[in-house]
PDB file of N, CA and C in Angstrom:
ATOM      1  N   MET A   1       9.243 176.938  41.447  1.00  0.00           N
ATOM      2  CA  MET A   1       8.390 177.884  41.495  1.00  0.00           C
ATOM      3  C   MET A   1       6.942 177.165  41.920  1.00  0.00           C
ATOM      4  N   ASP A   2       6.178 177.809  42.688  1.00  0.00           N
ATOM      5  CA  ASP A   2       4.762 177.145  43.117  1.00  0.00           C
ATOM      6  C   ASP A   2       3.678 177.546  41.929  1.00  0.00           C
ATOM      7  N   PHE A   3       2.739 176.563  42.063  1.00  0.00           N
ATOM      8  CA  PHE A   3       1.587 176.988  40.947  1.00  0.00           C
ATOM      9  C   PHE A   3       1.087 178.304  40.890  1.00  0.00           C
ATOM     10  N   LYS A   4       0.857 178.970  41.859  1.00  0.00           N
ATOM     11  CA  LYS A   4       0.121 180.309  42.000  1.00  0.00           C
ATOM     12  C   LYS A   4       1.156 181.246  41.329  1.00  0.00           C
ATOM     13  N   THR A   5       2.348 181.279  41.640  1.00  0.00           N
ATOM     14  CA  THR A   5       3.485 182.001  41.288  1.00  0.00           C
ATOM     15  C   THR A   5       3.909 182.028  39.672  1.00  0.00           C
ATOM     16  N   THR A   6       3.725 180.680  39.130  1.00  0.00           N
ATOM     17  CA  THR A   6       3.977 180.409  37.847  1.00  0.00           C
ATOM     18  C   THR A   6       2.711 180.747  37.168  1.00  0.00           C
ATOM     19  N   TYR A   7       1.483 180.638  37.475  1.00  0.00           N
ATOM     20  CA  TYR A   7       0.324 181.134  36.913  1.00  0.00           C
ATOM     21  C   TYR A   7       0.365 182.741  36.739  1.00  0.00           C
ATOM     22  N   GLU A   8       0.630 183.375  37.835  1.00  0.00           N
ATOM     23  CA  GLU A   8       0.919 184.899  37.952  1.00  0.00           C
ATOM     24  C   GLU A   8       1.874 185.326  36.914  1.00  0.00           C
ATOM     25  N   ASN A   9       2.890 184.581  36.544  1.00  0.00           N
ATOM     26  CA  ASN A   9       4.069 184.859  35.840  1.00  0.00           C
ATOM     27  C   ASN A   9       3.743 184.597  34.178  1.00  0.00           C
ATOM     28  N   LEU A  10       2.620 183.894  34.050  1.00  0.00           N
ATOM     29  CA  LEU A  10       2.380 183.781  32.652  1.00  0.00           C
ATOM     30  C   LEU A  10       2.104 184.867  31.885  1.00  0.00           C
ATOM     31  N   PRO A  11       2.439 185.147  30.607  1.00  0.00           N
ATOM     32  CA  PRO A  11       1.956 186.230  29.918  1.00  0.00           C
ATOM     33  C   PRO A  11       0.423 186.602  29.903  1.00  0.00           C
ATOM     34  N   ALA A  12       0.073 187.753  30.065  1.00  0.00           N
ATOM     35  CA  ALA A  12      -1.353 188.163  30.128  1.00  0.00           C
ATOM     36  C   ALA A  12      -2.353 187.413  29.041  1.00  0.00           C
ATOM     37  N   ASP A  13      -1.828 187.418  27.755  1.00  0.00           N
ATOM     38  CA  ASP A  13      -2.721 186.849  26.665  1.00  0.00           C
ATOM     39  C   ASP A  13      -2.760 185.365  27.056  1.00  0.00           C
ATOM     40  N   ILE A  14      -1.948 184.514  27.647  1.00  0.00           N
ATOM     41  CA  ILE A  14      -2.262 183.233  28.046  1.00  0.00           C
ATOM     42  C   ILE A  14      -3.114 182.930  29.058  1.00  0.00           C
ATOM     43  N   ARG A  15      -3.163 183.800  30.117  1.00  0.00           N
ATOM     44  CA  ARG A  15      -3.934 183.780  31.334  1.00  0.00           C
ATOM     45  C   ARG A  15      -5.334 184.078  30.783  1.00  0.00           C
ATOM     46  N   THR A  16      -5.453 184.960  29.966  1.00  0.00           N
ATOM     47  CA  THR A  16      -6.814 185.347  29.304  1.00  0.00           C
ATOM     48  C   THR A  16      -7.461 184.384  28.617  1.00  0.00           C
ATOM     49  N   ALA A  17      -6.686 183.452  28.014  1.00  0.00           N
ATOM     50  CA  ALA A  17      -7.117 182.262  27.187  1.00  0.00           C
ATOM     51  C   ALA A  17      -7.724 181.240  28.086  1.00  0.00           C
ATOM     52  N   PHE A  18      -7.350 181.190  29.203  1.00  0.00           N
ATOM     53  CA  PHE A  18      -7.714 180.119  30.219  1.00  0.00           C
ATOM     54  C   PHE A  18      -9.347 180.120  30.149  1.00  0.00           C
ATOM     55  N   SER A  19      -9.941 179.066  29.792  1.00  0.00           N
ATOM     56  CA  SER A  19     -11.422 179.165  30.143  1.00  0.00           C
ATOM     57  C   SER A  19     -11.790 177.495  30.221  1.00  0.00           C
ATOM     58  N   PRO A  20     -13.051 177.304  31.071  1.00  0.00           N
ATOM     59  CA  PRO A  20     -13.397 175.938  31.222  1.00  0.00           C
ATOM     60  C   PRO A  20     -13.606 175.164  29.918  1.00  0.00           C
ATOM     61  N   GLY A  21     -13.388 173.988  30.293  1.00  0.00           N
ATOM     62  CA  GLY A  21     -13.467 173.014  28.917  1.00  0.00           C
ATOM     63  C   GLY A  21     -12.198 172.516  28.314  1.00  0.00           C
ATOM     64  N   PHE A  22     -11.032 173.196  28.771  1.00  0.00           N
ATOM     65  CA  PHE A  22      -9.869 173.036  28.341  1.00  0.00           C
ATOM     66  C   PHE A  22      -8.730 172.663  29.311  1.00  0.00           C
ATOM     67  N   VAL A  23      -7.729 171.944  28.873  1.00  0.00           N
ATOM     68  CA  VAL A  23      -6.594 171.662  29.767  1.00  0.00           C
ATOM     69  C   VAL A  23      -5.331 172.492  29.212  1.00  0.00           C
ATOM     70  N   PHE A  24      -4.810 173.149  29.900  1.00  0.00           N
ATOM     71  CA  PHE A  24      -3.721 174.116  29.607  1.00  0.00           C
ATOM     72  C   PHE A  24      -2.298 173.634  30.044  1.00  0.00           C
ATOM     73  N   LEU A  25      -1.411 173.317  29.097  1.00  0.00           N
ATOM     74  CA  LEU A  25       0.042 172.726  29.500  1.00  0.00           C
ATOM     75  C   LEU A  25       0.927 174.019  29.169  1.00  0.00           C
ATOM     76  N   VAL A  26       1.979 174.202  29.943  1.00  0.00           N
ATOM     77  CA  VAL A  26       3.048 175.055  29.859  1.00  0.00           C
ATOM     78  C   VAL A  26       4.372 174.302  29.852  1.00  0.00           C
ATOM     79  N   PHE A  27       4.896 174.072  28.860  1.00  0.00           N
ATOM     80  CA  PHE A  27       6.279 173.337  28.701  1.00  0.00           C
ATOM     81  C   PHE A  27       7.237 174.479  28.908  1.00  0.00           C
ATOM     82  N   PRO A  28       8.476 174.305  29.265  1.00  0.00           N
ATOM     83  CA  PRO A  28       9.620 175.236  29.136  1.00  0.00           C
ATOM     84  C   PRO A  28       9.661 176.195  28.070  1.00  0.00           C
ATOM     85  N   THR A  29       9.374 175.540  26.887  1.00  0.00           N
ATOM     86  CA  THR A  29       9.676 176.219  25.379  1.00  0.00           C
ATOM     87  C   THR A  29       8.269 176.435  24.612  1.00  0.00           C
ATOM     88  N   LYS A  30       6.991 175.834  25.201  1.00  0.00           N
ATOM     89  CA  LYS A  30       5.961 176.148  24.382  1.00  0.00           C
ATOM     90  C   LYS A  30       4.631 176.010  25.218  1.00  0.00           C
ATOM     91  N   TYR A  31       3.571 176.613  24.629  1.00  0.00           N
ATOM     92  CA  TYR A  31       2.192 176.491  25.564  1.00  0.00           C
ATOM     93  C   TYR A  31       1.314 175.648  24.362  1.00  0.00           C
ATOM     94  N   GLN A  32       0.389 174.718  25.192  1.00  0.00           N
ATOM     95  CA  GLN A  32      -0.394 173.908  24.462  1.00  0.00           C
ATOM     96  C   GLN A  32      -1.717 174.068  25.248  1.00  0.00           C
ATOM     97  N   HIS A  33      -2.732 173.638  24.486  1.00  0.00           N
ATOM     98  CA  HIS A  33      -4.209 173.383  25.216  1.00  0.00           C
ATOM     99  C   HIS A  33      -4.793 172.328  24.521  1.00  0.00           C
ATOM    100  N   PHE A  34      -5.789 171.670  25.102  1.00  0.00           N
ATOM    101  CA  PHE A  34      -6.535 170.704  24.302  1.00  0.00           C
ATOM    102  C   PHE A  34      -8.053 170.744  25.059  1.00  0.00           C
ATOM    103  N   PRO A  35      -9.089 170.603  24.232  1.00  0.00           N
ATOM    104  CA  PRO A  35     -10.457 170.430  24.768  1.00  0.00           C
ATOM    105  C   PRO A  35     -10.688 169.199  25.672  1.00  0.00           C
ATOM    106  N   ALA A  36     -11.243 169.502  26.674  1.00  0.00           N
ATOM    107  CA  ALA A  36     -11.616 168.423  27.796  1.00  0.00           C
ATOM    108  C   ALA A  36     -13.107 168.720  28.310  1.00  0.00           C
ATOM    109  N   ARG A  37     -13.987 169.101  27.543  1.00  0.00           N
ATOM    110  CA  ARG A  37     -15.182 169.388  27.927  1.00  0.00           C
ATOM    111  C   ARG A  37     -16.049 168.242  28.658  1.00  0.00           C
ATOM    112  N   GLN A  38     -16.495 168.726  29.992  1.00  0.00           N
ATOM    113  CA  GLN A  38     -17.198 167.694  30.885  1.00  0.00           C
ATOM    114  C   GLN A  38     -16.333 166.510  31.041  1.00  0.00           C
ATOM    115  N   TRP A  39     -15.083 166.658  30.980  1.00  0.00           N
ATOM    116  CA  TRP A  39     -14.215 165.661  31.458  1.00  0.00           C
ATOM    117  C   TRP A  39     -14.274 165.471  33.076  1.00  0.00           C
ATOM    118  N   THR A  40     -14.396 164.262  33.587  1.00  0.00           N
ATOM    119  CA  THR A  40     -14.254 164.223  35.182  1.00  0.00           C
ATOM    120  C   THR A  40     -12.581 164.368  35.424  1.00  0.00           C
ATOM    121  N   ASP A  41     -12.415 164.473  36.593  1.00  0.00           N
ATOM    122  CA  ASP A  41     -10.965 164.432  37.101  1.00  0.00           C
ATOM    123  C   ASP A  41     -10.295 163.171  36.747  1.00  0.00           C
ATOM    124  N   GLU A  42     -11.113 162.189  36.828  1.00  0.00           N
ATOM    125  CA  GLU A  42     -10.630 160.637  36.532  1.00  0.00           C
ATOM    126  C   GLU A  42     -10.131 160.705  35.111  1.00  0.00           C
ATOM    127  N   GLN A  43     -11.004 161.240  34.211  1.00  0.00           N
ATOM    128  CA  GLN A  43     -10.637 161.227  32.902  1.00  0.00           C
ATOM    129  C   GLN A  43      -9.350 162.072  32.451  1.00  0.00           C
ATOM    130  N   ILE A  44      -9.388 163.079  33.268  1.00  0.00           N
ATOM    131  CA  ILE A  44      -8.123 163.959  33.061  1.00  0.00           C
ATOM    132  C   ILE A  44      -6.883 163.172  33.463  1.00  0.00           C
ATOM    133  N   GLN A  45      -6.785 162.549  34.546  1.00  0.00           N
ATOM    134  CA  GLN A  45      -5.946 161.746  35.133  1.00  0.00           C
ATOM    135  C   GLN A  45      -5.380 160.645  34.221  1.00  0.00           C
ATOM    136  N   ALA A  46      -6.553 159.951  33.731  1.00  0.00           N
ATOM    137  CA  ALA A  46      -6.243 158.844  32.671  1.00  0.00           C
ATOM    138  C   ALA A  46      -5.621 159.424  31.444  1.00  0.00           C
ATOM    139  N   TYR A  47      -5.855 160.605  31.016  1.00  0.00           N
ATOM    140  CA  TYR A  47      -5.047 161.308  29.826  1.00  0.00           C
ATOM    141  C   TYR A  47      -3.644 161.241  30.226  1.00  0.00           C
ATOM    142  N   PHE A  48      -3.257 161.882  31.329  1.00  0.00           N
ATOM    143  CA  PHE A  48      -1.887 161.917  31.716  1.00  0.00           C
ATOM    144  C   PHE A  48      -1.151 160.389  31.852  1.00  0.00           C
ATOM    145  N   LYS A  49      -1.873 159.630  32.483  1.00  0.00           N
ATOM    146  CA  LYS A  49      -1.479 158.231  32.730  1.00  0.00           C
ATOM    147  C   LYS A  49      -1.148 157.655  31.245  1.00  0.00           C
ATOM    148  N   GLU A  50      -1.915 157.691  30.361  1.00  0.00           N
ATOM    149  CA  GLU A  50      -1.845 157.313  28.934  1.00  0.00           C
ATOM    150  C   GLU A  50      -0.540 158.031  28.180  1.00  0.00           C
ATOM    151  N   HIS A  51      -0.719 159.244  28.146  1.00  0.00           N
ATOM    152  CA  HIS A  51       0.311 160.173  27.145  1.00  0.00           C
ATOM    153  C   HIS A  51       1.682 160.377  27.942  1.00  0.00           C
ATOM    154  N   PHE A  52       1.852 160.446  29.309  1.00  0.00           N
ATOM    155  CA  PHE A  52       2.932 160.710  29.931  1.00  0.00           C
ATOM    156  C   PHE A  52       3.376 159.330  30.755  1.00  0.00           C
ATOM    157  N   LYS A  53       2.577 158.198  30.742  1.00  0.00           N
ATOM    158  CA  LYS A  53       2.978 156.992  31.337  1.00  0.00           C
ATOM    159  C   LYS A  53       3.115 157.354  32.829  1.00  0.00           C
ATOM    160  N   SER A  54       2.526 158.234  33.497  1.00  0.00           N
ATOM    161  CA  SER A  54       2.665 158.740  34.894  1.00  0.00           C
ATOM    162  C   SER A  54       1.448 159.051  35.681  1.00  0.00           C
ATOM    163  N   SER A  55       1.338 158.739  36.812  1.00  0.00           N
ATOM    164  CA  SER A  55       0.299 159.019  37.737  1.00  0.00           C
ATOM    165  C   SER A  55       0.338 160.596  37.868  1.00  0.00           C
ATOM    166  N   SER A  56      -0.900 161.096  38.415  1.00  0.00           N
ATOM    167  CA  SER A  56      -0.921 162.505  38.421  1.00  0.00           C
ATOM    168  C   SER A  56      -1.781 162.778  39.737  1.00  0.00           C
ATOM    169  N   GLN A  57      -1.950 164.048  40.153  1.00  0.00           N
ATOM    170  CA  GLN A  57      -2.436 164.504  41.365  1.00  0.00           C
ATOM    171  C   GLN A  57      -3.307 165.577  41.058  1.00  0.00           C
ATOM    172  N   LEU A  58      -4.429 166.121  41.234  1.00  0.00           N
ATOM    173  CA  LEU A  58      -5.324 167.078  40.992  1.00  0.00           C
ATOM    174  C   LEU A  58      -5.160 167.935  42.350  1.00  0.00           C
ATOM    175  N   ILE A  59      -4.849 169.321  42.226  1.00  0.00           N
ATOM    176  CA  ILE A  59      -4.913 169.990  43.320  1.00  0.00           C
ATOM    177  C   ILE A  59      -5.870 171.334  42.998  1.00  0.00           C
ATOM    178  N   ASP A  60      -6.873 171.655  44.040  1.00  0.00           N
ATOM    179  CA  ASP A  60      -7.712 172.641  43.592  1.00  0.00           C
ATOM    180  C   ASP A  60      -7.287 173.942  44.327  1.00  0.00           C
ATOM    181  N   TYR A  61      -7.612 175.042  43.237  1.00  0.00           N
ATOM    182  CA  TYR A  61      -7.114 176.367  43.684  1.00  0.00           C
ATOM    183  C   TYR A  61      -8.501 177.176  43.578  1.00  0.00           C
ATOM    184  N   PRO A  62      -9.448 177.126  44.327  1.00  0.00           N
ATOM    185  CA  PRO A  62     -10.820 177.651  44.243  1.00  0.00           C
ATOM    186  C   PRO A  62     -10.674 179.237  44.068  1.00  0.00           C
ATOM    187  N   GLU A  63      -9.737 179.944  44.641  1.00  0.00           N
ATOM    188  CA  GLU A  63      -9.445 181.350  44.535  1.00  0.00           C
ATOM    189  C   GLU A  63      -9.252 181.696  43.153  1.00  0.00           C
ATOM    190  N   LEU A  64      -8.555 180.764  42.386  1.00  0.00           N
ATOM    191  CA  LEU A  64      -8.165 181.129  40.956  1.00  0.00           C
ATOM    192  C   LEU A  64      -8.937 180.501  39.993  1.00  0.00           C
ATOM    193  N   ARG A  65     -10.055 179.576  40.459  1.00  0.00           N
ATOM    194  CA  ARG A  65     -10.861 178.933  39.769  1.00  0.00           C
ATOM    195  C   ARG A  65     -10.302 178.053  38.772  1.00  0.00           C
ATOM    196  N   LEU A  66      -9.216 177.301  39.406  1.00  0.00           N
ATOM    197  CA  LEU A  66      -8.167 176.397  38.536  1.00  0.00           C
ATOM    198  C   LEU A  66      -7.893 175.169  39.308  1.00  0.00           C
ATOM    199  N   LYS A  67      -7.556 174.221  38.639  1.00  0.00           N
ATOM    200  CA  LYS A  67      -7.095 172.835  39.214  1.00  0.00           C
ATOM    201  C   LYS A  67      -5.670 172.770  38.484  1.00  0.00           C
ATOM    202  N   GLN A  68      -4.775 172.396  39.377  1.00  0.00           N
ATOM    203  CA  GLN A  68      -3.461 171.864  38.930  1.00  0.00           C
ATOM    204  C   GLN A  68      -3.462 170.418  38.796  1.00  0.00           C
ATOM    205  N   VAL A  69      -2.785 170.109  37.773  1.00  0.00           N
ATOM    206  CA  VAL A  69      -2.523 168.688  37.493  1.00  0.00           C
ATOM    207  C   VAL A  69      -1.049 168.580  37.824  1.00  0.00           C
ATOM    208  N   ARG A  70      -0.696 167.764  38.768  1.00  0.00           N
ATOM    209  CA  ARG A  70       0.868 167.602  39.108  1.00  0.00           C
ATOM    210  C   ARG A  70       1.152 166.094  38.464  1.00  0.00           C
ATOM    211  N   VAL A  71       2.013 166.172  37.391  1.00  0.00           N
ATOM    212  CA  VAL A  71       2.293 164.944  36.834  1.00  0.00           C
ATOM    213  C   VAL A  71       3.632 164.189  37.583  1.00  0.00           C
ATOM    214  N   THR A  72       3.446 163.171  38.067  1.00  0.00           N
ATOM    215  CA  THR A  72       4.518 162.686  38.789  1.00  0.00           C
ATOM    216  C   THR A  72       5.972 162.768  38.019  1.00  0.00           C
ATOM    217  N   THR A  73       6.035 162.318  36.890  1.00  0.00           N
ATOM    218  CA  THR A  73       7.344 162.278  36.155  1.00  0.00           C
ATOM    219  C   THR A  73       7.645 163.583  35.381  1.00  0.00           C
ATOM    220  N   GLN A  74       6.749 164.457  35.503  1.00  0.00           N
ATOM    221  CA  GLN A  74       7.275 165.802  34.851  1.00  0.00           C
ATOM    222  C   GLN A  74       6.931 167.098  35.911  1.00  0.00           C
ATOM    223  N   PRO A  75       7.995 167.117  36.648  1.00  0.00           N
ATOM    224  CA  PRO A  75       7.920 168.029  37.724  1.00  0.00           C
ATOM    225  C   PRO A  75       7.872 169.712  37.118  1.00  0.00           C
ATOM    226  N   ASP A  76       8.482 169.640  35.934  1.00  0.00           N
ATOM    227  CA  ASP A  76       8.631 171.223  35.474  1.00  0.00           C
ATOM    228  C   ASP A  76       7.305 171.564  34.552  1.00  0.00           C
ATOM    229  N   LEU A  77       6.472 170.535  34.270  1.00  0.00           N
ATOM    230  CA  LEU A  77       5.314 170.772  33.592  1.00  0.00           C
ATOM    231  C   LEU A  77       4.064 171.434  34.308  1.00  0.00           C
ATOM    232  N   PHE A  78       3.735 172.426  33.757  1.00  0.00           N
ATOM    233  CA  PHE A  78       2.658 173.314  34.395  1.00  0.00           C
ATOM    234  C   PHE A  78       1.447 172.968  33.734  1.00  0.00           C
ATOM    235  N   VAL A  79       0.408 172.306  34.375  1.00  0.00           N
ATOM    236  CA  VAL A  79      -0.842 171.801  33.860  1.00  0.00           C
ATOM    237  C   VAL A  79      -1.896 172.561  34.634  1.00  0.00           C
ATOM    238  N   ALA A  80      -2.759 173.400  33.892  1.00  0.00           N
ATOM    239  CA  ALA A  80      -3.905 174.092  34.673  1.00  0.00           C
ATOM    240  C   ALA A  80      -5.332 173.701  33.957  1.00  0.00           C
ATOM    241  N   VAL A  81      -6.265 173.390  34.757  1.00  0.00           N
ATOM    242  CA  VAL A  81      -7.618 173.047  34.287  1.00  0.00           C
ATOM    243  C   VAL A  81      -8.576 174.099  34.750  1.00  0.00           C
ATOM    244  N   PRO A  82      -9.178 175.189  34.202  1.00  0.00           N
ATOM    245  CA  PRO A  82     -10.095 176.103  34.585  1.00  0.00           C
ATOM    246  C   PRO A  82     -11.481 175.508  34.801  1.00  0.00           C
ATOM    247  N   TYR A  83     -12.147 176.046  35.585  1.00  0.00           N
ATOM    248  CA  TYR A  83     -13.619 175.698  35.962  1.00  0.00           C
ATOM    249  C   TYR A  83     -14.386 176.817  36.375  1.00  0.00           C
TER     250      TYR A  83
END
């Protein structure tokens, strides 16, 4: 499933919770978020390199005011960064 479709299929209360300054992760069985206020794209990528031992790519969706973090070793992980 692509990023936009996955986002649109999230429960409404999860989508409503999306706000700038946080990174939202959706695992197959749980939802998580953590604060990342004023983090640069490089800092976000460094977080995933440290915690998942993987490179990542940021993809901008200006129409959604979201960035997707695509973690190389975690293809089923949905990561969104609102802005």
